[in-house]
């Protein structure tokens, strides 16, 4: 396994954790008051958008050449920072 594949697997595992947290947030939203539900749904929407972006970038990473993946890694790290920020809320 090369470095790119290991990085991709690590990031995919982290995304699975975000997905689990997103599912938990959806469950909280179902039982929340109306005002809180709106807040939860906005957060869920933001996380889903960032999650989709990360998934697309990982797909690109899988198709990238060995020489091009380092550039893509930086882009993934920037997107990942945004997703982490939403997930921590």
Protein backbone atom coordinates (compact mmCIF):
# COMPACT_ATOMS: atom_id res chain seq x y z
CA UNK A 1 0.00 0.00 0.00
CA UNK A 2 1.39 3.38 -0.93
CA UNK A 3 1.14 6.61 1.02
CA UNK A 4 -1.73 7.93 -1.09
CA UNK A 5 -3.84 4.83 -0.47
CA UNK A 6 -3.11 4.91 3.27
CA UNK A 7 -4.08 8.59 3.41
CA UNK A 8 -7.28 7.90 1.50
CA UNK A 9 -8.23 5.04 3.83
CA UNK A 10 -7.53 7.17 6.91
CA UNK A 11 -9.63 10.03 5.58
CA UNK A 12 -12.47 7.69 4.61
CA UNK A 13 -12.48 6.29 8.16
CA UNK A 14 -12.68 9.81 9.57
CA UNK A 15 -15.55 10.57 7.21
CA UNK A 16 -17.40 7.53 8.53
CA UNK A 17 -17.13 9.01 12.02
CA UNK A 18 -18.53 12.31 10.75
CA UNK A 19 -21.38 10.41 9.12
CA UNK A 20 -22.15 8.69 12.43
CA UNK A 21 -22.14 12.04 14.22
CA UNK A 22 -24.38 13.45 11.51
CA UNK A 23 -26.85 10.62 12.06
CA UNK A 24 -26.84 11.37 15.80
CA UNK A 25 -27.48 15.05 15.07
CA UNK A 26 -30.43 14.09 12.85
CA UNK A 27 -31.85 12.06 15.73
CA UNK A 28 -31.50 15.03 18.07
CA UNK A 29 -33.22 17.26 15.55
CA UNK A 30 -36.24 14.95 15.47
CA UNK A 31 -36.88 15.39 19.16
CA UNK A 32 -35.87 19.05 19.46
CA UNK A 33 -38.12 22.03 19.96
CA UNK A 34 -39.07 23.99 16.85
CA UNK A 35 -36.39 26.67 17.32
CA UNK A 36 -33.67 24.12 18.04
CA UNK A 37 -34.83 21.96 15.15
CA UNK A 38 -34.25 24.86 12.75
CA UNK A 39 -30.75 25.33 14.16
CA UNK A 40 -30.00 21.60 13.92
CA UNK A 41 -31.28 21.42 10.35
CA UNK A 42 -29.07 24.34 9.31
CA UNK A 43 -26.05 22.63 10.84
CA UNK A 44 -26.98 19.32 9.21
CA UNK A 45 -27.23 21.05 5.83
CA UNK A 46 -23.79 22.64 6.25
CA UNK A 47 -22.21 19.38 7.34
CA UNK A 48 -23.82 17.47 4.47
CA UNK A 49 -22.49 19.99 1.95
CA UNK A 50 -18.98 19.74 3.37
CA UNK A 51 -19.28 15.96 3.57
CA UNK A 52 -20.22 15.81 -0.10
CA UNK A 53 -17.26 18.02 -1.00
CA UNK A 54 -14.91 15.76 0.94
CA UNK A 55 -16.32 12.66 -0.69
CA UNK A 56 -15.81 14.18 -4.15
CA UNK A 57 -12.24 15.11 -3.29
CA UNK A 58 -11.55 11.57 -2.09
CA UNK A 59 -12.91 10.25 -5.37
CA UNK A 60 -10.50 12.59 -7.18
CA UNK A 61 -7.69 11.37 -4.96
CA UNK A 62 -8.36 7.78 -5.97
CA UNK A 63 -7.98 8.76 -9.62
CA UNK A 64 -5.01 11.12 -9.18
CA UNK A 65 -1.53 10.17 -10.30
CA UNK A 66 1.24 9.73 -7.76
CA UNK A 67 2.68 13.10 -8.72
CA UNK A 68 -0.59 15.01 -8.49
CA UNK A 69 -1.94 13.64 -5.23
CA UNK A 70 0.18 15.87 -2.97
CA UNK A 71 -1.54 18.96 -4.40
CA UNK A 72 -4.92 17.33 -3.90
CA UNK A 73 -3.95 16.37 -0.33
CA UNK A 74 -3.59 20.06 0.58
CA UNK A 75 -7.01 20.78 -0.88
CA UNK A 76 -8.49 17.89 1.09
CA UNK A 77 -6.88 19.13 4.30
CA UNK A 78 -8.44 22.58 3.81
CA UNK A 79 -11.88 21.07 3.22
CA UNK A 80 -11.39 18.70 6.12
CA UNK A 81 -10.68 21.63 8.46
CA UNK A 82 -14.05 23.14 7.52
CA UNK A 83 -15.83 19.86 8.08
CA UNK A 84 -14.14 19.36 11.46
CA UNK A 85 -15.26 22.81 12.54
CA UNK A 86 -18.90 21.98 11.77
CA UNK A 87 -18.63 18.52 13.29
CA UNK A 88 -17.24 19.87 16.58
CA UNK A 89 -20.27 22.16 17.02
